[in-house]
Protein backbone atom coordinates (compact mmCIF):
# COMPACT_ATOMS: atom_id res chain seq x y z
CA MET A 1 0.07 -0.01 -0.09
CA ASN A 2 1.20 3.43 -0.80
CA ALA A 3 2.43 5.59 2.23
CA LEU A 4 -0.35 8.15 1.72
CA HIS A 5 -3.26 5.88 0.61
CA ASN A 6 -6.47 7.75 1.26
CA LYS A 7 -4.85 10.65 3.02
CA VAL A 8 -6.10 14.26 2.05
CA ALA A 9 -3.35 16.79 1.64
CA ILE A 10 -3.62 20.51 1.10
CA ILE A 11 -0.43 22.01 -0.61
CA THR A 12 -0.22 25.68 -0.97
CA GLY A 13 1.82 27.40 -3.63
CA ALA A 14 1.53 24.39 -5.91
CA SER A 15 1.46 25.95 -9.35
CA ARG A 16 5.13 25.61 -9.68
CA GLY A 17 8.49 24.99 -7.94
CA ILE A 18 8.67 22.98 -4.59
CA GLY A 19 4.95 23.17 -4.04
CA ALA A 20 4.13 21.51 -7.30
CA ALA A 21 6.94 18.86 -6.77
CA ILE A 22 5.51 18.09 -3.32
CA ALA A 23 1.89 17.66 -4.57
CA GLU A 24 3.07 15.43 -7.46
CA ARG A 25 5.15 13.24 -5.01
CA PHE A 26 2.29 12.95 -2.51
CA ALA A 27 -0.32 12.15 -5.14
CA ALA A 28 2.25 9.22 -6.49
CA GLU A 29 1.94 7.93 -2.86
CA GLY A 30 -1.79 7.61 -3.08
CA ALA A 31 -3.01 10.96 -1.39
CA TYR A 32 -5.89 12.94 -2.59
CA VAL A 33 -4.26 16.32 -3.31
CA VAL A 34 -5.70 19.79 -3.07
CA ILE A 35 -3.51 22.34 -4.65
CA THR A 36 -3.90 26.02 -4.42
CA ALA A 37 -2.28 29.07 -5.87
CA ARG A 38 -2.90 32.52 -7.50
CA THR A 39 -1.97 31.18 -10.85
CA ALA A 40 -4.74 29.01 -12.45
CA ILE A 41 -3.70 28.75 -16.03
CA PRO A 42 -0.59 28.94 -18.14
CA GLY A 43 0.68 32.44 -19.36
CA ALA A 44 1.58 34.23 -16.14
CA ARG A 45 4.91 36.13 -15.66
CA LEU A 46 6.57 32.99 -14.14
CA PRO A 47 6.24 29.46 -15.66
CA GLY A 48 3.84 26.98 -13.93
CA SER A 49 0.12 26.96 -13.22
CA LEU A 50 -2.46 24.87 -11.15
CA GLN A 51 -3.74 23.57 -14.33
CA GLU A 52 -0.38 22.10 -15.35
CA THR A 53 0.29 20.65 -11.93
CA GLU A 54 -3.17 18.97 -12.01
CA ALA A 55 -2.51 17.52 -15.43
CA ARG A 56 0.73 15.93 -14.49
CA ILE A 57 -0.95 14.36 -11.31
CA THR A 58 -4.00 13.10 -13.13
CA ALA A 59 -2.01 11.80 -16.02
CA ARG A 60 -0.42 9.36 -13.75
CA GLY A 61 -3.68 8.32 -12.11
CA GLY A 62 -3.81 10.68 -9.14
CA GLN A 63 -6.63 12.59 -7.76
CA CYS A 64 -6.44 16.29 -7.52
CA LEU A 65 -8.52 19.31 -6.61
CA SER A 66 -7.42 22.66 -7.85
CA ILE A 67 -8.49 25.78 -5.93
CA VAL A 68 -7.45 29.27 -7.06
CA GLY A 69 -6.77 31.53 -3.97
CA ASP A 70 -4.90 34.45 -2.61
CA LEU A 71 -3.49 33.45 0.78
CA ASN A 72 -3.25 36.92 1.93
CA LYS A 73 -7.11 37.08 2.04
CA GLU A 74 -8.79 35.53 5.10
CA THR A 75 -11.82 34.60 3.01
CA ASP A 76 -9.82 32.76 0.57
CA ARG A 77 -8.13 30.69 3.27
CA GLN A 78 -11.38 29.82 4.61
CA ALA A 79 -12.78 28.78 1.23
CA ILE A 80 -9.82 26.61 0.43
CA VAL A 81 -10.36 24.51 3.47
CA THR A 82 -14.18 24.47 3.17
CA GLN A 83 -13.92 23.16 -0.41
CA ALA A 84 -11.24 20.62 0.47
CA ILE A 85 -13.26 19.13 3.08
CA ALA A 86 -16.46 19.24 1.13
CA HIS A 87 -14.86 17.47 -1.78
CA PHE A 88 -12.69 14.83 -0.01
CA GLY A 89 -14.32 14.59 3.36
CA GLY A 90 -11.48 15.94 5.68
CA ILE A 91 -7.94 16.92 5.91
CA ASP A 92 -5.00 14.93 7.04
CA ILE A 93 -1.93 16.95 5.76
CA LEU A 94 -1.35 20.58 5.40
CA VAL A 95 1.80 21.85 3.61
CA ASN A 96 2.27 25.60 3.95
CA ASN A 97 4.69 26.14 1.10
CA ALA A 98 3.33 29.36 -0.45
CA ALA A 99 5.66 32.41 0.16
CA PHE A 100 6.13 36.01 -0.84
CA ALA A 101 9.69 37.28 -1.19
CA ARG A 102 10.82 40.91 -1.82
CA PHE A 103 14.63 41.00 -1.55
CA GLY A 104 16.15 44.37 -0.71
CA LEU A 105 17.29 46.67 2.01
CA SER A 106 15.00 46.73 5.11
CA LEU A 107 15.18 50.46 4.99
CA MET A 108 13.76 50.52 1.52
CA GLN A 109 10.97 47.95 2.09
CA GLN A 110 7.59 49.33 1.16
CA PRO A 111 4.64 48.81 3.56
CA LYS A 112 2.74 46.86 1.26
CA HIS A 113 5.51 44.46 0.70
CA ILE A 114 6.12 44.16 4.53
CA GLN A 115 2.35 43.29 4.98
CA LEU A 116 2.52 40.85 2.16
CA SER A 117 5.52 39.08 3.59
CA LEU A 118 3.95 38.86 6.89
CA GLY A 119 0.50 37.83 5.56
CA ILE A 120 1.56 35.14 3.45
CA ASN A 121 4.65 33.76 5.07
CA PHE A 122 3.48 33.83 8.55
CA VAL A 123 -0.33 34.75 9.04
CA ALA A 124 -1.62 32.51 6.34
CA PRO A 125 0.22 29.37 7.87
CA ILE A 126 -1.26 30.14 11.40
CA HIS A 127 -4.77 30.57 9.98
CA LEU A 128 -4.81 27.61 7.64
CA SER A 129 -3.50 25.36 10.48
CA GLN A 130 -6.15 26.70 12.83
CA LEU A 131 -8.69 25.81 10.22
CA VAL A 132 -7.52 22.22 9.41
CA ILE A 133 -6.78 21.12 12.92
CA PRO A 134 -10.27 20.25 13.99
CA SER A 135 -10.57 17.90 10.98
CA MET A 136 -7.32 16.27 11.71
CA ILE A 137 -8.35 15.74 15.40
CA GLU A 138 -11.73 14.13 14.09
CA ARG A 139 -9.69 11.96 11.88
CA GLY A 140 -7.39 10.78 14.72
CA ALA A 141 -4.04 12.09 13.30
CA GLY A 142 -2.60 14.84 11.29
CA TRP A 143 0.56 16.49 9.94
CA ILE A 144 1.27 20.09 9.31
CA LEU A 145 4.52 20.94 7.41
CA ASN A 146 5.78 24.64 7.17
CA LEU A 147 8.36 25.20 4.58
CA SER A 148 11.16 27.63 5.66
CA SER A 149 14.40 28.62 4.19
CA ASP A 150 18.23 28.93 5.05
CA THR A 151 17.79 32.84 5.32
CA SER A 152 16.16 32.25 8.72
CA ASN A 153 19.61 31.68 10.08
CA LYS A 154 20.92 34.97 11.61
CA PRO A 155 24.20 36.43 10.16
CA GLU A 156 27.15 36.49 12.46
CA PRO A 157 27.48 39.72 14.53
CA GLY A 158 29.86 42.69 13.48
CA PRO A 159 32.08 44.46 12.80
CA TYR A 160 31.38 44.04 9.06
CA ALA A 161 34.07 45.89 7.56
CA GLU A 162 35.87 43.17 5.81
CA ASP A 163 32.66 40.92 5.48
CA SER A 164 31.88 40.19 1.91
CA ARG A 165 28.41 38.98 2.82
CA ALA A 166 27.55 42.29 4.42
CA PHE A 167 28.74 44.02 1.35
CA GLN A 168 26.48 41.79 -0.70
CA PHE A 169 23.44 42.59 1.46
CA HIS A 170 24.04 46.23 1.25
CA ASN A 171 24.67 46.35 -2.46
CA THR A 172 22.27 43.54 -3.89
CA ALA A 173 19.35 41.73 -2.44
CA SER A 174 19.17 41.33 1.32
CA PRO A 175 16.92 38.58 2.67
CA SER A 176 16.46 40.14 6.10
CA LEU A 177 12.67 40.57 5.78
CA TYR A 178 11.96 37.34 4.28
CA GLY A 179 14.35 35.55 6.50
CA ALA A 180 12.61 37.05 9.64
CA THR A 181 9.20 35.91 8.63
CA LYS A 182 10.62 32.42 8.29
CA ALA A 183 12.42 32.62 11.58
CA ALA A 184 9.27 33.56 13.11
CA LEU A 185 7.41 30.64 11.53
CA GLU A 186 10.02 28.16 12.81
CA ARG A 187 9.67 29.51 16.45
CA LEU A 188 5.83 29.24 16.21
CA THR A 189 6.12 25.69 14.87
CA THR A 190 8.32 24.45 17.76
CA GLY A 191 5.75 25.77 20.31
CA TRP A 192 2.58 24.77 18.52
CA ALA A 193 3.87 21.29 18.13
CA MET A 194 4.00 20.92 21.86
CA GLU A 195 0.38 22.34 22.29
CA ILE A 196 -1.13 19.77 19.81
CA ALA A 197 1.06 16.78 20.77
CA ASP A 198 -1.77 15.11 22.65
CA SER A 199 -4.24 15.29 19.59
CA ASN A 200 -1.58 13.09 17.63
CA ILE A 201 -0.73 15.84 15.19
CA ALA A 202 2.87 16.48 13.98
CA MET A 203 3.99 20.12 13.17
CA ASN A 204 7.45 20.64 11.66
CA THR A 205 9.36 22.97 9.47
CA LEU A 206 11.39 22.04 6.43
CA ALA A 207 14.22 23.91 4.67
CA PRO A 208 16.73 23.08 2.00
CA VAL A 209 20.41 22.87 2.71
CA GLU A 210 21.13 26.04 0.85
CA ALA A 211 19.20 26.81 -2.47
CA VAL A 212 16.64 25.27 -4.63
CA ALA A 213 16.57 26.70 -8.14
CA SER A 214 12.83 27.09 -8.30
CA GLU A 215 11.15 29.47 -10.63
CA GLY A 216 10.15 31.87 -7.71
CA ALA A 217 13.88 31.70 -6.30
CA LEU A 218 15.50 32.55 -9.53
CA ASP A 219 13.04 35.51 -10.19
CA SER A 220 13.49 36.99 -6.62
CA GLY A 221 17.29 36.92 -7.06
CA SER A 222 17.85 35.16 -3.77
CA ILE A 223 20.25 32.65 -5.39
CA ASP A 224 23.86 33.74 -5.83
CA ALA A 225 26.56 32.35 -8.16
CA VAL A 226 27.97 30.01 -5.59
CA ALA A 227 24.89 28.48 -4.08
CA PHE A 228 24.50 24.73 -3.74
CA PHE A 229 21.63 23.88 -5.88
CA GLU A 230 19.66 21.14 -4.20
CA PRO A 231 17.24 19.04 -6.43
CA ILE A 232 13.71 19.88 -5.96
CA GLU A 233 13.05 16.22 -5.69
CA ALA A 234 15.08 16.09 -2.44
CA MET A 235 12.85 18.71 -0.93
CA ALA A 236 9.71 16.73 -2.03
CA GLU A 237 11.11 13.45 -0.57
CA ALA A 238 11.96 15.14 2.67
CA ALA A 239 8.31 16.45 2.72
CA LEU A 240 6.94 13.12 2.31
CA ALA A 241 9.12 11.73 5.03
CA LEU A 242 7.84 14.21 7.56
CA CYS A 243 4.31 13.70 6.56
CA THR A 244 4.39 9.89 6.78
CA GLN A 245 6.39 9.48 10.14
CA PRO A 246 4.18 8.72 13.24
CA PRO A 247 3.48 12.14 14.86
CA GLU A 248 4.75 11.09 18.29
CA LEU A 249 8.13 10.28 16.69
CA ILE A 250 8.94 13.50 14.77
CA SER A 251 7.29 16.68 15.58
CA GLY A 252 8.65 20.17 16.64
CA ARG A 253 11.56 19.78 14.25
CA THR A 254 13.35 22.43 12.27
CA ALA A 255 14.44 20.02 9.69
CA ILE A 256 16.91 20.50 6.79
CA SER A 257 16.22 18.41 3.89
CA LEU A 258 19.37 16.45 3.10
CA HIS A 259 20.21 16.08 6.73
CA LEU A 260 16.72 14.59 7.38
CA LEU A 261 16.92 12.16 4.48
CA GLU A 262 20.46 11.00 5.65
CA GLU A 263 19.03 10.55 9.31
CA LEU A 264 16.15 8.48 8.20
CA GLY A 265 18.43 6.33 5.92
CA ILE A 266 17.07 7.73 2.49
CA ASP A 267 19.89 7.76 0.03
CA VAL A 268 20.44 11.44 -0.86
CA ARG A 269 22.00 10.64 -4.09
CA THR A 270 19.52 8.37 -5.41
CA ILE A 271 15.66 8.97 -4.95
CA ASN A 272 13.26 7.00 -7.09
CA GLY A 273 16.04 5.43 -8.95
CA GLU A 274 17.33 8.65 -10.37
CA GLN A 275 20.82 10.15 -9.89
CA LEU A 276 19.81 13.53 -8.07
CA VAL A 277 22.54 14.66 -5.83
CA ASP A 278 26.23 14.08 -6.85
CA ASN A 279 29.19 14.71 -4.70
CA VAL A 280 27.31 16.52 -2.03
CA PRO A 281 29.75 18.43 0.18
CA LYS A 282 30.15 16.48 3.33
CA ALA A 283 29.57 19.59 5.39
CA MET A 284 26.07 19.80 3.97
CA LEU A 285 25.31 16.32 5.31
CA LYS A 286 26.05 17.01 8.97
């Protein structure tokens, strides 16, 4: 039997990138997948759409419900969960993948971009989790996975006179605002996981070792020329692992994808029989 047989999973930001990869991986393991994003059909500024993700899932025999929604709107978040439950009968898994990133100096960040960053990266995962937890309790178990980023790690303290990274932050695209929202999400996750432990619900965060060359990351300018590019399949496999482990065994974790796969004995160099990660620096596996 497939690992997610008859499980219902909501994945946000699933029109492209990591979200689409997770949705397709979960569907391959038997999940009924609910995908949501703002981009319904091809032709947007960035490649990818809900229509294309759904087509790939159904072509392989998977079951998928697409819901167009703006996660910055409370009414849309409510509608996503209401429609998912009405269509599939309940919710077992929530993957909060959707994110908004506007890289640049904090001094220059516009109020609307600050609000979008907080609304989509922090408020939306909170509200969606609140909405799905009652269904998870009713079904006897649940898994909530919040996608994070290595930008949540704090830079070393000054002085910065000879620090090339500080020079980069000042002259190109600083991730300070985006990283702050992800750090807040990680802190929330660790505390909330303790609160819902007696309900047999796991809550974790997952981040790549360094960078995944998704459409959104490339567009935001968040990837530099020396980044280690982690295959998107590794993130999908790590997400699957976190959403299939018994909630009492793995919860409250701030997991790093390749580290987690190594810990669980999943070969990071071959996933699904394909060569994905070759010559991974040892420092990234510790």
